[in-house]
Amino acid sequence: MDDDRHSAFRDARDDRTTAAGVPDTPQTRSPSYRLAFADDEFLFRKELRPVRLQLELLKFEMLLDQHEIESTIVLFGGARIPAPADRHTARTQTLAELSHFYDEARAFARLMTERSVASGNRDYVICTGGGPGVMEAGNRGADEAGGVSIGLNIVLPHEQAPNPYVTPDLAFNFHYFAIRKMHFLMRARAICVFPGGFGTLDEMFEALTLIQTGRMDRVPFLLFGRAFWEKIINWDALVDAGTISPEDLELFRFVESADEAAKTIDEWKPAPKRDEIPGREQR
């Protein structure tokens, strides 16, 4: 909603319309004459990057406030993981074998959205990257439960459109990865990570780092598929090397199914903050 319409000042949209109807002269055709907020060439200048960053931050926040969404359940996971019915289309045997996580993501989103609907679609709202694979499964499960869900798409060199299960009024598109990541986590009540590639790993480690360093509150952090995660990441080697602390492995839990994930969230007891760990020297 444009607050200008409820103030003593003239509405910006009205002025844009008026400005478009002035006589055609060398002066009015000049780029300098365009209203700054209606001038794409001006807005796309590199000096305006801080303004564009602010716009991406504000648009999502304002619309979620408008929809009265208080908290989210975030689902990260691979875009290439097919639904079990489509496993024959998978590019590798491993992806075909991982297809059952599509159904687990779908079932988990359905369970969480049942709670969301009970809250008036204010809490536990499913939030995904808006694309195919695990992301589609999450939005699909929410849709099947009769609730709303969020999709945070991003412009990529190859075309990526929102999957058809994202609530249309909650389908977003971003230019800046950094702002998109902020929005994933700012209202997160829990973070669930399914098998995936670079993007999934990036999102997982970014969130773990924020929690590890105390920049984000500790929330249920679930990794679906212990075998997958222990195969691609040697967690114990990181501890042995001293690059992470043993208690950092308590920041997350492994789960295998939607029911186990829901139970783990309900029973979650976060590890103590670093300054609460007995015997830890304060620096």
Protein backbone atom coordinates (compact mmCIF):
# COMPACT_ATOMS: atom_id res chain seq x y z
CA MET A 1 0.00 0.00 0.00
CA ASP A 2 1.35 3.44 -0.94
CA ASP A 3 1.24 5.70 2.13
CA ASP A 4 1.44 8.75 -0.14
CA ARG A 5 -2.27 8.31 -0.84
CA HIS A 6 -3.00 8.93 2.84
CA SER A 7 -0.75 11.95 3.35
CA ALA A 8 -0.98 15.67 2.66
CA PHE A 9 1.47 15.32 -0.22
CA ARG A 10 0.60 14.56 -3.81
CA ASP A 11 0.74 10.87 -4.71
CA ALA A 12 3.86 9.81 -6.63
CA ARG A 13 1.82 7.70 -9.05
CA ASP A 14 -0.33 10.68 -9.96
CA ASP A 15 2.77 12.74 -10.67
CA ARG A 16 4.20 9.99 -12.86
CA THR A 17 0.99 10.04 -14.92
CA THR A 18 1.00 13.82 -15.14
CA ALA A 19 4.65 13.93 -16.16
CA ALA A 20 3.99 11.49 -19.00
CA GLY A 21 1.41 13.85 -20.48
CA VAL A 22 3.52 17.00 -20.81
CA PRO A 23 4.28 18.45 -24.27
CA ASP A 24 6.95 16.67 -26.30
CA THR A 25 9.94 19.00 -26.39
CA PRO A 26 13.73 18.61 -26.37
CA GLN A 27 13.63 19.37 -22.67
CA THR A 28 10.98 16.80 -21.75
CA ARG A 29 12.69 14.15 -23.89
CA SER A 30 15.95 14.58 -22.01
CA PRO A 31 16.82 11.79 -19.52
CA SER A 32 17.52 14.48 -16.92
CA TYR A 33 13.82 15.43 -16.93
CA ARG A 34 12.57 11.96 -15.98
CA LEU A 35 11.31 11.47 -12.45
CA ALA A 36 14.11 9.69 -10.62
CA PHE A 37 11.92 6.85 -9.33
CA ALA A 38 10.50 6.24 -12.82
CA ASP A 39 13.87 6.31 -14.61
CA ASP A 40 15.18 2.78 -15.23
CA GLU A 41 18.46 3.98 -16.69
CA PHE A 42 19.10 5.95 -13.52
CA LEU A 43 18.02 3.14 -11.17
CA PHE A 44 20.31 0.64 -12.92
CA ARG A 45 23.44 2.76 -12.42
CA LYS A 46 26.11 1.16 -10.24
CA GLU A 47 25.89 4.07 -7.81
CA LEU A 48 22.28 3.06 -7.10
CA ARG A 49 23.20 -0.45 -5.93
CA PRO A 50 22.59 0.48 -2.25
CA VAL A 51 19.09 1.64 -3.19
CA ARG A 52 18.37 -1.57 -5.10
CA LEU A 53 19.61 -3.63 -2.15
CA GLN A 54 17.28 -1.70 0.13
CA LEU A 55 14.34 -2.22 -2.22
CA GLU A 56 14.85 -6.00 -2.22
CA LEU A 57 15.09 -5.95 1.56
CA LEU A 58 11.96 -3.85 1.99
CA LYS A 59 9.62 -5.45 -0.54
CA PHE A 60 9.71 -8.90 1.03
CA GLU A 61 9.50 -7.57 4.60
CA MET A 62 6.58 -5.29 3.82
CA LEU A 63 4.59 -7.96 2.00
CA LEU A 64 5.14 -10.57 4.71
CA ASP A 65 4.04 -8.02 7.29
CA GLN A 66 0.99 -7.31 5.13
CA HIS A 67 0.17 -11.04 5.13
CA GLU A 68 0.84 -11.15 8.91
CA ILE A 69 3.38 -13.96 8.58
CA GLU A 70 5.35 -14.21 11.81
CA SER A 71 7.53 -17.29 11.33
CA THR A 72 8.64 -19.74 8.68
CA ILE A 73 9.95 -23.26 8.26
CA VAL A 74 12.78 -23.13 5.72
CA LEU A 75 13.44 -25.99 3.30
CA PHE A 76 16.74 -26.14 1.41
CA GLY A 77 17.47 -28.92 -1.06
CA GLY A 78 18.44 -29.98 -4.55
CA ALA A 79 16.59 -28.73 -7.61
CA ARG A 80 17.61 -31.88 -9.50
CA ILE A 81 15.96 -34.41 -7.18
CA PRO A 82 12.91 -35.75 -9.03
CA ALA A 83 9.59 -36.96 -7.69
CA PRO A 84 9.62 -40.76 -7.32
CA ALA A 85 7.24 -41.09 -10.26
CA ASP A 86 9.82 -39.28 -12.40
CA ARG A 87 12.93 -41.00 -11.09
CA HIS A 88 13.55 -42.50 -14.53
CA THR A 89 14.34 -38.95 -15.72
CA ALA A 90 17.15 -38.46 -13.19
CA ARG A 91 20.53 -37.76 -14.74
CA THR A 92 22.31 -40.14 -12.33
CA GLN A 93 21.45 -43.28 -10.40
CA THR A 94 22.17 -41.45 -7.15
CA LEU A 95 19.60 -38.76 -7.94
CA ALA A 96 17.08 -41.50 -8.70
CA GLU A 97 17.82 -43.08 -5.33
CA LEU A 98 17.41 -39.73 -3.59
CA SER A 99 13.96 -39.25 -5.09
CA HIS A 100 12.27 -40.55 -1.94
CA PHE A 101 13.33 -37.30 -0.25
CA TYR A 102 10.93 -35.49 -2.58
CA ASP A 103 8.10 -37.35 -0.88
CA GLU A 104 9.58 -36.75 2.58
CA ALA A 105 9.85 -33.00 1.90
CA ARG A 106 6.29 -33.00 0.61
CA ALA A 107 4.98 -34.89 3.64
CA PHE A 108 6.96 -32.75 6.08
CA ALA A 109 5.66 -29.53 4.51
CA ARG A 110 2.13 -30.90 4.73
CA LEU A 111 2.58 -31.62 8.47
CA MET A 112 4.02 -28.19 9.20
CA THR A 113 1.37 -26.44 7.13
CA GLU A 114 -1.39 -28.11 9.09
CA ARG A 115 0.03 -26.24 12.08
CA SER A 116 0.33 -23.09 10.00
CA VAL A 117 -3.32 -23.24 8.98
CA ALA A 118 -4.28 -23.61 12.63
CA SER A 119 -2.37 -20.36 13.33
CA GLY A 120 -4.20 -18.53 10.57
CA ASN A 121 -1.23 -18.90 8.22
CA ARG A 122 0.88 -16.75 10.54
CA ASP A 123 3.40 -19.29 11.87
CA TYR A 124 5.25 -22.31 10.48
CA VAL A 125 4.80 -21.07 6.92
CA ILE A 126 6.85 -23.15 4.49
CA CYS A 127 9.55 -21.16 2.72
CA THR A 128 11.60 -22.59 -0.18
CA GLY A 129 13.77 -21.35 -3.01
CA GLY A 130 10.72 -21.54 -5.27
CA GLY A 131 12.27 -23.85 -7.86
CA PRO A 132 11.90 -27.53 -8.80
CA GLY A 133 12.99 -30.66 -6.94
CA VAL A 134 12.90 -30.52 -3.15
CA MET A 135 11.70 -26.92 -3.34
CA GLU A 136 8.69 -27.90 -5.41
CA ALA A 137 7.96 -30.74 -2.98
CA GLY A 138 7.85 -28.31 -0.06
CA ASN A 139 5.48 -25.88 -1.73
CA ARG A 140 3.39 -28.79 -3.01
CA GLY A 141 2.93 -30.27 0.45
CA ALA A 142 1.87 -26.89 1.81
CA ASP A 143 -0.64 -26.47 -1.00
CA GLU A 144 -2.08 -29.93 -0.34
CA ALA A 145 -2.59 -28.98 3.30
CA GLY A 146 -4.63 -25.96 2.25
CA GLY A 147 -2.13 -23.39 3.47
CA VAL A 148 0.14 -20.77 1.97
CA SER A 149 3.84 -21.07 1.20
CA ILE A 150 6.66 -18.80 0.13
CA GLY A 151 9.00 -19.12 -2.85
CA LEU A 152 12.20 -17.07 -3.05
CA ASN A 153 13.37 -17.37 -6.63
CA ILE A 154 16.47 -15.68 -7.99
CA VAL A 155 17.34 -14.59 -11.51
CA LEU A 156 19.84 -17.06 -12.98
CA PRO A 157 21.56 -17.23 -16.39
CA HIS A 158 19.28 -20.13 -17.23
CA GLU A 159 15.57 -19.50 -16.86
CA GLN A 160 14.07 -20.36 -13.50
CA ALA A 161 10.36 -19.84 -12.93
CA PRO A 162 8.46 -20.41 -9.67
CA ASN A 163 7.06 -23.89 -9.32
CA PRO A 164 3.25 -24.00 -9.66
CA TYR A 165 2.65 -24.70 -5.95
CA VAL A 166 4.04 -21.44 -4.56
CA THR A 167 1.28 -19.15 -3.29
CA PRO A 168 1.12 -16.52 -6.06
CA ASP A 169 1.04 -13.55 -3.69
CA LEU A 170 4.12 -14.96 -1.91
CA ALA A 171 6.24 -15.65 -5.01
CA PHE A 172 9.32 -13.42 -4.98
CA ASN A 173 12.22 -12.87 -7.34
CA PHE A 174 15.64 -11.57 -6.37
CA HIS A 175 18.74 -10.15 -7.99
CA TYR A 176 20.97 -10.19 -4.90
CA PHE A 177 21.85 -13.55 -3.33
CA ALA A 178 22.78 -11.82 -0.06
CA ILE A 179 19.34 -10.26 0.45
CA ARG A 180 17.61 -13.51 -0.51
CA LYS A 181 19.67 -15.35 2.13
CA MET A 182 18.71 -12.80 4.76
CA HIS A 183 15.03 -13.31 4.01
CA PHE A 184 15.36 -17.09 4.25
CA LEU A 185 16.59 -16.81 7.82
CA MET A 186 15.09 -13.68 9.37
CA ARG A 187 11.81 -15.39 10.36
CA ALA A 188 12.97 -19.01 10.41
CA ARG A 189 11.53 -21.14 13.21
CA ALA A 190 13.37 -24.21 11.87
CA ILE A 191 15.80 -25.02 9.04
CA CYS A 192 15.55 -28.31 7.13
CA VAL A 193 18.24 -29.28 4.65
CA PHE A 194 17.75 -32.05 2.11
CA PRO A 195 20.43 -33.50 -0.17
CA GLY A 196 21.58 -31.01 -2.78
CA GLY A 197 24.48 -29.37 -4.56
CA PHE A 198 26.48 -26.16 -4.33
CA GLY A 199 23.47 -23.96 -3.63
CA THR A 200 22.21 -26.22 -0.84
CA LEU A 201 25.68 -26.49 0.71
CA ASP A 202 26.11 -22.73 0.52
CA GLU A 203 22.81 -22.08 2.27
CA MET A 204 23.44 -24.78 4.88
CA PHE A 205 26.91 -23.60 5.86
CA GLU A 206 25.90 -19.94 5.85
CA ALA A 207 23.09 -20.67 8.31
CA LEU A 208 25.28 -22.92 10.47
CA THR A 209 27.96 -20.23 10.60
CA LEU A 210 25.46 -17.60 11.71
CA ILE A 211 24.24 -19.89 14.49
CA GLN A 212 27.75 -21.03 15.46
CA THR A 213 28.96 -17.44 15.80
CA GLY A 214 25.90 -16.28 17.71
CA ARG A 215 24.67 -13.97 14.98
CA MET A 216 21.43 -15.94 14.75
CA ASP A 217 19.29 -17.61 17.39
CA ARG A 218 19.58 -21.36 17.66
CA VAL A 219 16.65 -23.08 15.99
CA PRO A 220 15.94 -26.71 15.07
CA PHE A 221 18.42 -27.50 12.29
CA LEU A 222 17.70 -30.80 10.56
CA LEU A 223 19.71 -32.61 7.90
CA PHE A 224 17.63 -35.17 6.03
CA GLY A 225 19.58 -38.28 5.04
CA ARG A 226 22.52 -39.08 7.33
CA ALA A 227 24.14 -41.39 4.75
CA PHE A 228 24.25 -38.62 2.13
CA TRP A 229 25.66 -35.98 4.48
CA GLU A 230 28.24 -38.24 6.08
CA LYS A 231 29.40 -39.35 2.64
CA ILE A 232 30.03 -35.87 1.28
CA ILE A 233 31.17 -34.13 4.50
CA ASN A 234 33.63 -35.60 6.97
CA TRP A 235 32.31 -33.85 10.06
CA ASP A 236 34.64 -35.71 12.45
CA ALA A 237 37.65 -34.70 10.37
CA LEU A 238 36.73 -31.05 10.92
CA VAL A 239 36.66 -31.67 14.68
CA ASP A 240 39.92 -33.63 14.61
CA ALA A 241 41.58 -30.83 12.66
CA GLY A 242 40.39 -28.32 15.23
CA THR A 243 38.68 -26.18 12.61
CA ILE A 244 35.38 -26.64 14.45
CA SER A 245 34.68 -27.55 18.06
CA PRO A 246 33.09 -30.86 19.12
CA GLU A 247 30.02 -28.99 20.40
CA ASP A 248 29.47 -27.52 16.92
CA LEU A 249 28.20 -30.96 15.88
CA GLU A 250 25.34 -30.42 18.32
CA LEU A 251 24.00 -27.53 16.25
CA PHE A 252 22.16 -29.93 13.95
CA ARG A 253 20.46 -33.31 13.93
CA PHE A 254 20.14 -36.01 11.29
CA VAL A 255 16.65 -37.23 10.41
CA GLU A 256 15.30 -39.59 7.78
CA SER A 257 11.57 -38.95 7.54
CA ALA A 258 8.90 -36.29 7.82
CA ASP A 259 7.50 -37.78 11.03
CA GLU A 260 10.94 -37.94 12.63
CA ALA A 261 11.61 -34.33 11.63
CA ALA A 262 8.34 -33.09 13.15
CA LYS A 263 9.04 -35.03 16.36
CA THR A 264 12.58 -33.64 16.54
CA ILE A 265 11.31 -30.08 16.18
CA ASP A 266 8.76 -30.65 18.94
CA GLU A 267 11.43 -32.09 21.28
CA TRP A 268 14.26 -29.78 20.25
CA LYS A 269 16.60 -28.75 23.03
CA PRO A 270 19.25 -26.46 21.59
CA ALA A 271 22.86 -26.76 22.63
CA PRO A 272 23.92 -24.11 25.16
CA LYS A 273 25.34 -20.87 23.88
CA ARG A 274 29.11 -20.72 23.82
CA ASP A 275 29.32 -18.52 26.90
CA GLU A 276 27.16 -21.05 28.78
CA ILE A 277 29.42 -24.06 28.18
CA PRO A 278 31.01 -25.10 31.50
CA GLY A 279 34.76 -24.66 31.56
CA ARG A 280 34.94 -22.58 28.37
CA GLU A 281 37.35 -19.71 28.79
CA GLN A 282 35.88 -16.30 28.08
CA ARG A 283 37.87 -14.07 25.73
